[in-house]
Amino acid sequence: MIRIKICCIASPAEAALALAAGADVLGLVAAMPSGPGPISDAAIAEIAASLPSQVLSLLLTAKTTADEIADHVHRTGVRGVQIVSHIDPAEQARLARLLPDHQRWQVVHVEDDDALAMIPVHGPHVTGFLLDSGRPSLQELGGTGRVHDWAISAAFVAASPVPVFLAGGLNPGNAAAAVAQVQPAGLDICSGLRREGRLDETLARCFVSAARQAGPGA
């Protein structure tokens, strides 16, 4: 069954709403140079502590060294980390040693075919990849609401040795098409489920239903 990550969770109440809608991974956004949804580390820790043990809480961090990332993870009490910058591969390898019991997801911003070169560089050290539509050269590290080239994403999924989540411009209307074309392990969404900045239960349920009806085992 395809996994669903709802990102930009702002409170324990939003976390509960997301889980009730069918999400099994929650994204908690720390300080970022751009994009929606950042909350304080204290708020992230509060939300992470409120979650059932089977739920994967992922800290979105803009830190770029293994020591900084590991410290951020430990301070917030999450079960895993989503690294939004294209960090140095040596730092990725060190992070795997520092956080062997935490999930470690590397974001790859799909601007062109060069994204595929990230697979052999980071694949040996990470739990999974998440494909997004940022532009790191402009300090744009996610939350753009833009769809990138899914043909590149499909090729990435086919070549990756670890699971791949797809993000970027998703919504209830295109979730099924994204699953059909890219065949990811999961979908990740933030702004596509919000109305006036708040997580919308109806949109969340529609998104989860559309994705899972299109996914394996449907």
N, C-alpha and C. Protein backbone atom coordinates (compact mmCIF):
# COMPACT_ATOMS: atom_id res chain seq x y z
N MET A 1 0.84 -1.20 0.00
CA MET A 1 0.00 0.00 0.00
C MET A 1 0.87 1.25 0.00
N ILE A 2 0.52 2.20 -0.85
CA ILE A 2 1.31 3.42 -0.94
C ILE A 2 1.23 4.20 0.37
N ARG A 3 2.33 4.77 0.78
CA ARG A 3 2.37 5.53 2.03
C ARG A 3 2.03 7.00 1.74
N ILE A 4 1.48 7.65 2.76
CA ILE A 4 1.08 9.05 2.61
C ILE A 4 1.76 9.86 3.71
N LYS A 5 2.50 10.87 3.28
CA LYS A 5 3.13 11.80 4.22
C LYS A 5 2.44 13.15 4.09
N ILE A 6 1.87 13.60 5.18
CA ILE A 6 1.31 14.95 5.21
C ILE A 6 2.29 15.83 5.96
N CYS A 7 2.71 16.89 5.30
CA CYS A 7 3.78 17.74 5.82
C CYS A 7 3.21 19.05 6.36
N CYS A 8 4.09 19.82 6.97
CA CYS A 8 3.74 21.14 7.52
C CYS A 8 2.75 21.04 8.68
N ILE A 9 2.80 19.93 9.41
CA ILE A 9 1.92 19.76 10.57
C ILE A 9 2.27 20.82 11.61
N ALA A 10 1.24 21.53 12.10
CA ALA A 10 1.48 22.71 12.94
C ALA A 10 1.13 22.51 14.40
N SER A 11 0.44 21.41 14.74
CA SER A 11 -0.01 21.23 16.11
C SER A 11 -0.40 19.78 16.34
N PRO A 12 -0.54 19.35 17.60
CA PRO A 12 -1.05 18.00 17.86
C PRO A 12 -2.43 17.77 17.25
N ALA A 13 -3.26 18.82 17.21
CA ALA A 13 -4.59 18.68 16.62
C ALA A 13 -4.51 18.40 15.12
N GLU A 14 -3.60 19.10 14.41
CA GLU A 14 -3.42 18.82 12.98
C GLU A 14 -2.85 17.43 12.78
N ALA A 15 -1.96 17.01 13.65
CA ALA A 15 -1.41 15.66 13.55
C ALA A 15 -2.52 14.63 13.66
N ALA A 16 -3.41 14.81 14.62
CA ALA A 16 -4.52 13.88 14.79
C ALA A 16 -5.43 13.87 13.57
N LEU A 17 -5.69 15.04 12.99
CA LEU A 17 -6.52 15.13 11.80
C LEU A 17 -5.88 14.37 10.63
N ALA A 18 -4.57 14.57 10.45
CA ALA A 18 -3.85 13.92 9.35
C ALA A 18 -3.89 12.40 9.51
N LEU A 19 -3.70 11.93 10.71
CA LEU A 19 -3.72 10.48 10.95
C LEU A 19 -5.12 9.92 10.74
N ALA A 20 -6.14 10.65 11.17
CA ALA A 20 -7.51 10.20 10.96
C ALA A 20 -7.86 10.12 9.48
N ALA A 21 -7.23 10.98 8.68
CA ALA A 21 -7.48 10.97 7.23
C ALA A 21 -6.75 9.83 6.52
N GLY A 22 -5.79 9.20 7.21
CA GLY A 22 -5.10 8.06 6.62
C GLY A 22 -3.61 8.20 6.44
N ALA A 23 -3.03 9.32 6.84
CA ALA A 23 -1.58 9.49 6.72
C ALA A 23 -0.86 8.55 7.69
N ASP A 24 0.33 8.11 7.31
CA ASP A 24 1.14 7.31 8.22
C ASP A 24 2.53 7.90 8.44
N VAL A 25 2.82 9.01 7.77
CA VAL A 25 4.07 9.75 7.97
C VAL A 25 3.70 11.23 8.11
N LEU A 26 4.28 11.91 9.10
CA LEU A 26 4.01 13.32 9.30
C LEU A 26 5.31 14.11 9.21
N GLY A 27 5.26 15.23 8.48
CA GLY A 27 6.42 16.10 8.34
C GLY A 27 6.30 17.31 9.25
N LEU A 28 7.38 17.57 10.00
CA LEU A 28 7.42 18.68 10.95
C LEU A 28 8.55 19.61 10.51
N VAL A 29 8.18 20.80 10.08
CA VAL A 29 9.12 21.70 9.40
C VAL A 29 9.78 22.64 10.39
N ALA A 30 11.09 22.56 10.50
CA ALA A 30 11.86 23.49 11.33
C ALA A 30 12.19 24.74 10.50
N ALA A 31 13.00 25.61 11.06
CA ALA A 31 13.36 26.87 10.38
C ALA A 31 13.92 26.59 8.99
N MET A 32 13.42 27.35 8.00
CA MET A 32 13.81 27.18 6.61
C MET A 32 14.08 28.54 5.98
N PRO A 33 14.93 28.57 4.94
CA PRO A 33 15.14 29.84 4.24
C PRO A 33 13.95 30.25 3.38
N SER A 34 13.05 29.28 3.08
CA SER A 34 11.87 29.59 2.28
C SER A 34 10.84 28.49 2.50
N GLY A 35 9.63 28.74 2.02
CA GLY A 35 8.59 27.72 2.04
C GLY A 35 7.67 27.83 3.24
N PRO A 36 6.53 27.11 3.18
CA PRO A 36 5.50 27.22 4.22
C PRO A 36 5.75 26.29 5.40
N GLY A 37 5.08 26.59 6.51
CA GLY A 37 4.94 25.64 7.59
C GLY A 37 5.98 25.54 8.67
N PRO A 38 7.00 26.42 8.74
CA PRO A 38 7.99 26.24 9.81
C PRO A 38 7.39 26.52 11.19
N ILE A 39 7.75 25.68 12.15
CA ILE A 39 7.35 25.86 13.54
C ILE A 39 8.59 25.74 14.42
N SER A 40 8.47 26.08 15.68
CA SER A 40 9.61 26.05 16.58
C SER A 40 10.02 24.62 16.90
N ASP A 41 11.27 24.45 17.32
CA ASP A 41 11.73 23.13 17.73
C ASP A 41 10.92 22.62 18.91
N ALA A 42 10.50 23.52 19.81
CA ALA A 42 9.69 23.11 20.95
C ALA A 42 8.34 22.55 20.49
N ALA A 43 7.74 23.19 19.49
CA ALA A 43 6.47 22.70 18.96
C ALA A 43 6.65 21.35 18.26
N ILE A 44 7.76 21.20 17.54
CA ILE A 44 8.05 19.92 16.89
C ILE A 44 8.16 18.81 17.94
N ALA A 45 8.88 19.08 19.01
CA ALA A 45 9.05 18.09 20.08
C ALA A 45 7.71 17.72 20.70
N GLU A 46 6.84 18.72 20.89
CA GLU A 46 5.52 18.46 21.48
C GLU A 46 4.70 17.55 20.58
N ILE A 47 4.69 17.85 19.28
CA ILE A 47 3.92 17.03 18.34
C ILE A 47 4.49 15.62 18.27
N ALA A 48 5.81 15.51 18.15
CA ALA A 48 6.44 14.19 18.05
C ALA A 48 6.11 13.33 19.27
N ALA A 49 6.10 13.93 20.44
CA ALA A 49 5.81 13.19 21.67
C ALA A 49 4.36 12.74 21.75
N SER A 50 3.48 13.38 20.98
CA SER A 50 2.05 13.05 21.04
C SER A 50 1.66 11.92 20.10
N LEU A 51 2.58 11.46 19.25
CA LEU A 51 2.21 10.53 18.18
C LEU A 51 2.27 9.08 18.62
N PRO A 52 1.40 8.23 18.08
CA PRO A 52 1.49 6.79 18.33
C PRO A 52 2.82 6.23 17.81
N SER A 53 3.25 5.14 18.37
CA SER A 53 4.58 4.60 18.05
C SER A 53 4.71 4.16 16.60
N GLN A 54 3.58 3.80 15.96
CA GLN A 54 3.66 3.32 14.58
C GLN A 54 3.76 4.44 13.55
N VAL A 55 3.61 5.68 14.00
CA VAL A 55 3.66 6.82 13.08
C VAL A 55 5.09 7.31 12.93
N LEU A 56 5.51 7.52 11.70
CA LEU A 56 6.85 8.06 11.45
C LEU A 56 6.80 9.58 11.45
N SER A 57 7.50 10.19 12.40
CA SER A 57 7.62 11.65 12.43
C SER A 57 8.95 12.03 11.80
N LEU A 58 8.90 12.89 10.81
CA LEU A 58 10.11 13.31 10.10
C LEU A 58 10.35 14.80 10.33
N LEU A 59 11.49 15.12 10.89
CA LEU A 59 11.93 16.50 11.05
C LEU A 59 12.49 17.00 9.73
N LEU A 60 11.96 18.09 9.19
CA LEU A 60 12.55 18.73 8.02
C LEU A 60 13.56 19.76 8.51
N THR A 61 14.82 19.51 8.21
CA THR A 61 15.87 20.38 8.69
C THR A 61 16.68 20.95 7.53
N ALA A 62 17.10 22.21 7.70
CA ALA A 62 17.97 22.84 6.72
C ALA A 62 19.44 22.76 7.13
N LYS A 63 19.72 22.06 8.23
CA LYS A 63 21.11 21.87 8.65
C LYS A 63 21.84 21.07 7.59
N THR A 64 23.16 21.28 7.50
CA THR A 64 23.91 20.65 6.41
C THR A 64 25.08 19.79 6.85
N THR A 65 25.36 19.73 8.16
CA THR A 65 26.42 18.83 8.63
C THR A 65 25.81 17.72 9.47
N ALA A 66 26.49 16.59 9.51
CA ALA A 66 25.98 15.45 10.25
C ALA A 66 25.79 15.76 11.73
N ASP A 67 26.75 16.44 12.33
CA ASP A 67 26.65 16.75 13.75
C ASP A 67 25.46 17.66 14.04
N GLU A 68 25.26 18.68 13.20
CA GLU A 68 24.12 19.58 13.40
C GLU A 68 22.79 18.85 13.21
N ILE A 69 22.71 18.02 12.19
CA ILE A 69 21.47 17.30 11.91
C ILE A 69 21.15 16.32 13.04
N ALA A 70 22.15 15.57 13.49
CA ALA A 70 21.93 14.61 14.57
C ALA A 70 21.49 15.32 15.84
N ASP A 71 22.12 16.45 16.14
CA ASP A 71 21.73 17.22 17.33
C ASP A 71 20.29 17.70 17.21
N HIS A 72 19.91 18.16 16.02
CA HIS A 72 18.55 18.65 15.79
C HIS A 72 17.53 17.53 16.00
N VAL A 73 17.84 16.35 15.51
CA VAL A 73 16.97 15.19 15.67
C VAL A 73 16.80 14.84 17.15
N HIS A 74 17.91 14.78 17.87
CA HIS A 74 17.85 14.40 19.28
C HIS A 74 17.07 15.43 20.09
N ARG A 75 17.24 16.72 19.77
CA ARG A 75 16.56 17.78 20.54
C ARG A 75 15.05 17.77 20.32
N THR A 76 14.60 17.30 19.17
CA THR A 76 13.17 17.34 18.86
C THR A 76 12.46 16.01 19.09
N GLY A 77 13.20 14.94 19.30
CA GLY A 77 12.58 13.67 19.65
C GLY A 77 11.82 12.98 18.54
N VAL A 78 12.17 13.28 17.30
CA VAL A 78 11.50 12.66 16.15
C VAL A 78 12.08 11.29 15.85
N ARG A 79 11.38 10.55 15.00
CA ARG A 79 11.84 9.21 14.63
C ARG A 79 12.69 9.21 13.37
N GLY A 80 12.73 10.34 12.67
CA GLY A 80 13.52 10.39 11.45
C GLY A 80 13.72 11.82 11.00
N VAL A 81 14.50 11.96 9.94
CA VAL A 81 14.86 13.30 9.47
C VAL A 81 14.77 13.35 7.95
N GLN A 82 14.29 14.48 7.46
CA GLN A 82 14.24 14.77 6.03
C GLN A 82 15.20 15.91 5.77
N ILE A 83 16.26 15.64 5.04
CA ILE A 83 17.33 16.61 4.81
C ILE A 83 17.01 17.35 3.52
N VAL A 84 16.70 18.63 3.64
CA VAL A 84 16.17 19.36 2.49
C VAL A 84 17.24 19.96 1.59
N SER A 85 18.48 20.03 2.08
CA SER A 85 19.59 20.52 1.25
C SER A 85 20.33 19.34 0.62
N HIS A 86 20.98 19.59 -0.50
CA HIS A 86 21.83 18.58 -1.11
C HIS A 86 23.18 18.60 -0.37
N ILE A 87 23.27 17.82 0.71
CA ILE A 87 24.45 17.90 1.57
C ILE A 87 25.61 17.08 1.00
N ASP A 88 26.79 17.32 1.57
CA ASP A 88 27.98 16.60 1.14
C ASP A 88 27.83 15.11 1.41
N PRO A 89 28.20 14.24 0.48
CA PRO A 89 28.06 12.80 0.69
C PRO A 89 28.81 12.29 1.92
N ALA A 90 29.94 12.90 2.24
CA ALA A 90 30.68 12.48 3.44
C ALA A 90 29.88 12.75 4.70
N GLU A 91 29.15 13.86 4.70
CA GLU A 91 28.29 14.17 5.85
C GLU A 91 27.13 13.16 5.92
N GLN A 92 26.63 12.75 4.77
CA GLN A 92 25.56 11.76 4.74
C GLN A 92 26.04 10.44 5.33
N ALA A 93 27.24 10.03 4.97
CA ALA A 93 27.79 8.79 5.50
C ALA A 93 28.00 8.88 7.01
N ARG A 94 28.49 10.02 7.47
CA ARG A 94 28.69 10.20 8.91
C ARG A 94 27.36 10.20 9.65
N LEU A 95 26.33 10.81 9.06
CA LEU A 95 25.03 10.85 9.70
C LEU A 95 24.46 9.44 9.88
N ALA A 96 24.71 8.57 8.92
CA ALA A 96 24.25 7.19 9.05
C ALA A 96 24.88 6.51 10.26
N ARG A 97 26.11 6.89 10.58
CA ARG A 97 26.77 6.33 11.76
C ARG A 97 26.24 6.97 13.05
N LEU A 98 25.89 8.26 12.98
CA LEU A 98 25.40 8.96 14.16
C LEU A 98 23.95 8.62 14.49
N LEU A 99 23.16 8.31 13.46
CA LEU A 99 21.73 8.04 13.66
C LEU A 99 21.34 6.68 13.06
N PRO A 100 21.96 5.60 13.51
CA PRO A 100 21.66 4.30 12.89
C PRO A 100 20.24 3.81 13.14
N ASP A 101 19.59 4.33 14.18
CA ASP A 101 18.26 3.86 14.54
C ASP A 101 17.15 4.82 14.10
N HIS A 102 17.52 5.85 13.36
CA HIS A 102 16.54 6.81 12.85
C HIS A 102 16.46 6.70 11.33
N GLN A 103 15.27 6.96 10.80
CA GLN A 103 15.15 7.02 9.35
C GLN A 103 15.76 8.32 8.85
N ARG A 104 16.44 8.23 7.70
CA ARG A 104 17.14 9.38 7.13
C ARG A 104 16.75 9.49 5.65
N TRP A 105 15.99 10.54 5.35
CA TRP A 105 15.48 10.75 4.00
C TRP A 105 16.15 11.96 3.36
N GLN A 106 16.73 11.75 2.21
CA GLN A 106 17.39 12.84 1.48
C GLN A 106 16.46 13.39 0.41
N VAL A 107 16.21 14.70 0.48
CA VAL A 107 15.45 15.37 -0.58
C VAL A 107 16.34 15.55 -1.79
N VAL A 108 15.79 15.27 -2.95
CA VAL A 108 16.44 15.57 -4.23
C VAL A 108 15.52 16.52 -4.97
N HIS A 109 16.03 17.69 -5.28
CA HIS A 109 15.24 18.68 -6.02
C HIS A 109 15.42 18.44 -7.52
N VAL A 110 14.32 18.08 -8.16
CA VAL A 110 14.36 17.64 -9.55
C VAL A 110 14.25 18.86 -10.46
N GLU A 111 15.39 19.33 -10.91
CA GLU A 111 15.42 20.45 -11.87
C GLU A 111 15.66 19.95 -13.28
N ASP A 112 16.41 18.86 -13.42
CA ASP A 112 16.72 18.27 -14.72
C ASP A 112 17.24 16.85 -14.49
N ASP A 113 17.77 16.23 -15.54
CA ASP A 113 18.25 14.86 -15.45
C ASP A 113 19.41 14.68 -14.46
N ASP A 114 20.05 15.76 -14.07
CA ASP A 114 21.15 15.65 -13.10
C ASP A 114 20.68 15.06 -11.77
N ALA A 115 19.39 15.11 -11.52
CA ALA A 115 18.86 14.52 -10.29
C ALA A 115 19.23 13.04 -10.17
N LEU A 116 19.31 12.35 -11.28
CA LEU A 116 19.61 10.92 -11.26
C LEU A 116 21.01 10.63 -10.73
N ALA A 117 21.90 11.60 -10.84
CA ALA A 117 23.26 11.40 -10.35
C ALA A 117 23.32 11.33 -8.83
N MET A 118 22.25 11.75 -8.16
CA MET A 118 22.22 11.71 -6.70
C MET A 118 22.03 10.29 -6.17
N ILE A 119 21.55 9.38 -7.00
CA ILE A 119 21.24 8.03 -6.53
C ILE A 119 22.48 7.30 -6.04
N PRO A 120 23.54 7.15 -6.85
CA PRO A 120 24.72 6.42 -6.34
C PRO A 120 25.47 7.17 -5.26
N VAL A 121 25.33 8.49 -5.22
CA VAL A 121 26.05 9.30 -4.23
C VAL A 121 25.45 9.12 -2.84
N HIS A 122 24.13 9.17 -2.74
CA HIS A 122 23.47 9.14 -1.44
C HIS A 122 22.77 7.82 -1.12
N GLY A 123 22.45 7.05 -2.15
CA GLY A 123 21.69 5.82 -1.95
C GLY A 123 22.26 4.86 -0.92
N PRO A 124 23.59 4.69 -0.84
CA PRO A 124 24.13 3.73 0.14
C PRO A 124 23.96 4.16 1.59
N HIS A 125 23.62 5.42 1.83
CA HIS A 125 23.63 5.94 3.20
C HIS A 125 22.27 6.33 3.75
N VAL A 126 21.22 6.29 2.92
CA VAL A 126 19.93 6.83 3.35
C VAL A 126 18.86 5.75 3.42
N THR A 127 17.80 6.05 4.18
CA THR A 127 16.63 5.18 4.24
C THR A 127 15.81 5.32 2.97
N GLY A 128 15.74 6.54 2.45
CA GLY A 128 14.95 6.79 1.26
C GLY A 128 15.23 8.16 0.69
N PHE A 129 14.65 8.41 -0.49
CA PHE A 129 14.72 9.70 -1.15
C PHE A 129 13.33 10.33 -1.19
N LEU A 130 13.29 11.65 -1.26
CA LEU A 130 12.05 12.37 -1.49
C LEU A 130 12.30 13.37 -2.62
N LEU A 131 11.55 13.24 -3.69
CA LEU A 131 11.72 14.09 -4.86
C LEU A 131 10.83 15.31 -4.76
N ASP A 132 11.43 16.49 -4.85
CA ASP A 132 10.68 17.74 -4.70
C ASP A 132 11.05 18.69 -5.81
N SER A 133 10.48 19.90 -5.76
CA SER A 133 10.59 20.85 -6.87
C SER A 133 11.32 22.14 -6.51
N GLY A 134 12.18 22.09 -5.51
CA GLY A 134 12.92 23.28 -5.12
C GLY A 134 14.06 23.61 -6.07
N ARG A 135 14.68 24.75 -5.79
CA ARG A 135 15.86 25.18 -6.53
C ARG A 135 16.91 25.60 -5.50
N PRO A 136 17.78 24.65 -5.12
CA PRO A 136 18.76 24.94 -4.06
C PRO A 136 19.64 26.15 -4.35
N SER A 137 19.93 26.40 -5.64
CA SER A 137 20.78 27.54 -5.98
C SER A 137 20.15 28.87 -5.57
N LEU A 138 18.81 28.88 -5.42
CA LEU A 138 18.09 30.08 -5.00
C LEU A 138 17.60 29.98 -3.56
N GLN A 139 18.16 29.02 -2.82
CA GLN A 139 17.74 28.78 -1.43
C GLN A 139 16.26 28.45 -1.32
N GLU A 140 15.76 27.79 -2.34
CA GLU A 140 14.37 27.33 -2.37
C GLU A 140 14.40 25.82 -2.15
N LEU A 141 13.99 25.40 -0.94
CA LEU A 141 14.24 24.02 -0.52
C LEU A 141 12.96 23.22 -0.32
N GLY A 142 11.88 23.62 -0.96
CA GLY A 142 10.64 22.87 -0.88
C GLY A 142 9.45 23.77 -0.64
N GLY A 143 8.27 23.16 -0.62
CA GLY A 143 7.05 23.92 -0.40
C GLY A 143 6.71 24.87 -1.52
N THR A 144 7.10 24.53 -2.76
CA THR A 144 6.90 25.45 -3.88
C THR A 144 5.50 25.35 -4.48
N GLY A 145 4.82 24.23 -4.30
CA GLY A 145 3.54 24.03 -4.95
C GLY A 145 3.66 23.76 -6.44
N ARG A 146 4.88 23.51 -6.91
CA ARG A 146 5.11 23.26 -8.34
C ARG A 146 5.29 21.77 -8.61
N VAL A 147 4.76 21.33 -9.73
CA VAL A 147 5.00 19.98 -10.23
C VAL A 147 6.28 20.00 -11.07
N HIS A 148 7.16 19.04 -10.83
CA HIS A 148 8.35 18.94 -11.68
C HIS A 148 8.12 17.87 -12.76
N ASP A 149 9.17 17.52 -13.47
CA ASP A 149 9.05 16.57 -14.59
C ASP A 149 8.93 15.15 -14.04
N TRP A 150 7.72 14.60 -14.09
CA TRP A 150 7.50 13.26 -13.54
C TRP A 150 8.20 12.17 -14.34
N ALA A 151 8.57 12.44 -15.58
CA ALA A 151 9.32 11.44 -16.34
C ALA A 151 10.68 11.20 -15.69
N ILE A 152 11.31 12.29 -15.23
CA ILE A 152 12.59 12.14 -14.52
C ILE A 152 12.36 11.42 -13.19
N SER A 153 11.27 11.76 -12.50
CA SER A 153 10.97 11.11 -11.23
C SER A 153 10.74 9.61 -11.42
N ALA A 154 10.05 9.22 -12.47
CA ALA A 154 9.80 7.81 -12.73
C ALA A 154 11.11 7.07 -12.98
N ALA A 155 12.02 7.69 -13.73
CA ALA A 155 13.32 7.08 -13.96
C ALA A 155 14.11 6.96 -12.66
N PHE A 156 13.98 7.96 -11.80
CA PHE A 156 14.66 7.94 -10.50
C PHE A 156 14.13 6.78 -9.66
N VAL A 157 12.82 6.63 -9.59
CA VAL A 157 12.22 5.54 -8.82
C VAL A 157 12.70 4.19 -9.33
N ALA A 158 12.74 4.03 -10.64
CA ALA A 158 13.14 2.75 -11.23
C ALA A 158 14.59 2.40 -10.91
N ALA A 159 15.44 3.43 -10.73
CA ALA A 159 16.87 3.19 -10.51
C ALA A 159 17.27 3.18 -9.04
N SER A 160 16.41 3.66 -8.16
CA SER A 160 16.81 3.84 -6.77
C SER A 160 16.84 2.51 -6.01
N PRO A 161 17.86 2.30 -5.17
CA PRO A 161 17.93 1.08 -4.35
C PRO A 161 17.10 1.19 -3.06
N VAL A 162 16.56 2.39 -2.79
CA VAL A 162 15.78 2.62 -1.58
C VAL A 162 14.44 3.24 -1.97
N PRO A 163 13.45 3.21 -1.07
CA PRO A 163 12.14 3.78 -1.41
C PRO A 163 12.23 5.26 -1.76
N VAL A 164 11.29 5.72 -2.58
CA VAL A 164 11.24 7.10 -3.04
C VAL A 164 9.83 7.65 -2.83
N PHE A 165 9.74 8.80 -2.17
CA PHE A 165 8.48 9.53 -2.06
C PHE A 165 8.49 10.66 -3.09
N LEU A 166 7.30 11.00 -3.58
CA LEU A 166 7.15 12.08 -4.56
C LEU A 166 6.44 13.25 -3.90
N ALA A 167 6.99 14.45 -4.08
CA ALA A 167 6.38 15.69 -3.60
C ALA A 167 6.40 16.71 -4.73
N GLY A 168 5.77 17.86 -4.48
CA GLY A 168 5.82 18.95 -5.44
C GLY A 168 4.54 19.13 -6.22
N GLY A 169 3.70 20.07 -5.78
CA GLY A 169 2.51 20.42 -6.53
C GLY A 169 1.42 19.37 -6.53
N LEU A 170 1.44 18.46 -5.56
CA LEU A 170 0.41 17.42 -5.51
C LEU A 170 -0.88 17.95 -4.89
N ASN A 171 -1.99 17.32 -5.25
CA ASN A 171 -3.30 17.68 -4.72
C ASN A 171 -4.24 16.51 -4.96
N PRO A 172 -5.46 16.54 -4.42
CA PRO A 172 -6.37 15.41 -4.64
C PRO A 172 -6.67 15.14 -6.11
N GLY A 173 -6.57 16.16 -6.94
CA GLY A 173 -6.89 16.00 -8.36
C GLY A 173 -5.82 15.31 -9.18
N ASN A 174 -4.56 15.37 -8.75
CA ASN A 174 -3.49 14.74 -9.54
C ASN A 174 -2.80 13.59 -8.82
N ALA A 175 -3.29 13.22 -7.63
CA ALA A 175 -2.63 12.16 -6.86
C ALA A 175 -2.62 10.83 -7.62
N ALA A 176 -3.75 10.46 -8.21
CA ALA A 176 -3.82 9.18 -8.92
C ALA A 176 -2.87 9.16 -10.11
N ALA A 177 -2.81 10.25 -10.86
CA ALA A 177 -1.91 10.32 -12.01
C ALA A 177 -0.46 10.24 -11.58
N ALA A 178 -0.13 10.87 -10.44
CA ALA A 178 1.24 10.82 -9.94
C ALA A 178 1.65 9.40 -9.59
N VAL A 179 0.75 8.68 -8.93
CA VAL A 179 1.04 7.29 -8.57
C VAL A 179 1.19 6.43 -9.82
N ALA A 180 0.29 6.61 -10.77
CA ALA A 180 0.31 5.80 -11.98
C ALA A 180 1.58 6.02 -12.80
N GLN A 181 2.01 7.28 -12.93
CA GLN A 181 3.16 7.56 -13.78
C GLN A 181 4.49 7.31 -13.09
N VAL A 182 4.61 7.70 -11.82
CA VAL A 182 5.91 7.66 -11.14
C VAL A 182 6.13 6.36 -10.38
N GLN A 183 5.07 5.75 -9.89
CA GLN A 183 5.15 4.52 -9.09
C GLN A 183 6.03 4.69 -7.85
N PRO A 184 5.83 5.74 -7.08
CA PRO A 184 6.65 5.96 -5.89
C PRO A 184 6.19 5.07 -4.73
N ALA A 185 7.02 5.01 -3.70
CA ALA A 185 6.62 4.29 -2.48
C ALA A 185 5.62 5.10 -1.68
N GLY A 186 5.63 6.42 -1.88
CA GLY A 186 4.71 7.27 -1.13
C GLY A 186 4.57 8.63 -1.78
N LEU A 187 3.55 9.36 -1.35
CA LEU A 187 3.33 10.74 -1.77
C LEU A 187 3.47 11.65 -0.57
N ASP A 188 3.96 12.86 -0.81
CA ASP A 188 4.18 13.84 0.25
C ASP A 188 3.50 15.14 -0.16
N ILE A 189 2.72 15.71 0.75
CA ILE A 189 1.93 16.89 0.40
C ILE A 189 1.85 17.85 1.56
N CYS A 190 1.82 19.16 1.23
CA CYS A 190 1.64 20.20 2.25
C CYS A 190 0.54 21.16 1.80
N SER A 191 0.89 22.12 0.94
CA SER A 191 -0.03 23.20 0.59
C SER A 191 -1.28 22.71 -0.13
N GLY A 192 -1.20 21.58 -0.84
CA GLY A 192 -2.34 21.07 -1.58
C GLY A 192 -3.49 20.59 -0.72
N LEU A 193 -3.28 20.53 0.60
CA LEU A 193 -4.34 20.10 1.52
C LEU A 193 -4.78 21.21 2.46
N ARG A 194 -4.41 22.45 2.13
CA ARG A 194 -4.69 23.54 3.07
C ARG A 194 -5.63 24.57 2.47
N ARG A 195 -6.52 25.06 3.34
CA ARG A 195 -7.38 26.18 3.00
C ARG A 195 -7.17 27.26 4.05
N GLU A 196 -6.82 28.44 3.60
CA GLU A 196 -6.52 29.57 4.50
C GLU A 196 -5.48 29.18 5.55
N GLY A 197 -4.50 28.39 5.10
CA GLY A 197 -3.39 28.02 5.97
C GLY A 197 -3.63 26.84 6.88
N ARG A 198 -4.85 26.34 6.92
CA ARG A 198 -5.19 25.24 7.83
C ARG A 198 -5.36 23.93 7.07
N LEU A 199 -4.92 22.85 7.69
CA LEU A 199 -5.12 21.53 7.11
C LEU A 199 -6.61 21.24 7.02
N ASP A 200 -7.07 20.87 5.83
CA ASP A 200 -8.49 20.65 5.58
C ASP A 200 -8.78 19.14 5.57
N GLU A 201 -9.68 18.72 6.44
CA GLU A 201 -9.95 17.29 6.59
C GLU A 201 -10.52 16.67 5.32
N THR A 202 -11.41 17.37 4.65
CA THR A 202 -12.02 16.83 3.44
C THR A 202 -10.98 16.65 2.34
N LEU A 203 -10.13 17.65 2.14
CA LEU A 203 -9.07 17.54 1.14
C LEU A 203 -8.12 16.40 1.48
N ALA A 204 -7.78 16.28 2.76
CA ALA A 204 -6.86 15.22 3.18
C ALA A 204 -7.44 13.84 2.88
N ARG A 205 -8.69 13.65 3.23
CA ARG A 205 -9.31 12.34 2.99
C ARG A 205 -9.42 12.04 1.49
N CYS A 206 -9.74 13.05 0.71
CA CYS A 206 -9.83 12.86 -0.75
C CYS A 206 -8.47 12.50 -1.34
N PHE A 207 -7.43 13.17 -0.86
CA PHE A 207 -6.08 12.90 -1.35
C PHE A 207 -5.66 11.47 -1.03
N VAL A 208 -5.83 11.08 0.22
CA VAL A 208 -5.43 9.73 0.63
C VAL A 208 -6.21 8.68 -0.17
N SER A 209 -7.50 8.87 -0.33
CA SER A 209 -8.32 7.93 -1.07
C SER A 209 -7.87 7.82 -2.53
N ALA A 210 -7.62 8.95 -3.18
CA ALA A 210 -7.21 8.94 -4.58
C ALA A 210 -5.88 8.23 -4.76
N ALA A 211 -4.93 8.51 -3.85
CA ALA A 211 -3.61 7.90 -3.96
C ALA A 211 -3.68 6.40 -3.75
N ARG A 212 -4.42 5.99 -2.75
CA ARG A 212 -4.44 4.55 -2.41
C ARG A 212 -5.27 3.75 -3.40
N GLN A 213 -6.28 4.35 -3.99
CA GLN A 213 -7.05 3.64 -5.01
C GLN A 213 -6.22 3.43 -6.27
N ALA A 214 -5.23 4.29 -6.49
CA ALA A 214 -4.37 4.16 -7.67
C ALA A 214 -3.13 3.32 -7.40
N GLY A 215 -2.84 3.05 -6.12
CA GLY A 215 -1.59 2.39 -5.75
C GLY A 215 -1.65 0.88 -5.80
N PRO A 216 -0.52 0.23 -5.49
CA PRO A 216 -0.45 -1.22 -5.46
C PRO A 216 -1.45 -1.80 -4.47
N GLY A 217 -2.09 -2.89 -4.85
CA GLY A 217 -3.03 -3.55 -3.97
C GLY A 217 -4.40 -2.94 -3.95
N ALA A 218 -4.60 -1.86 -4.77
CA ALA A 218 -5.92 -1.20 -4.77
C ALA A 218 -6.97 -2.10 -5.43
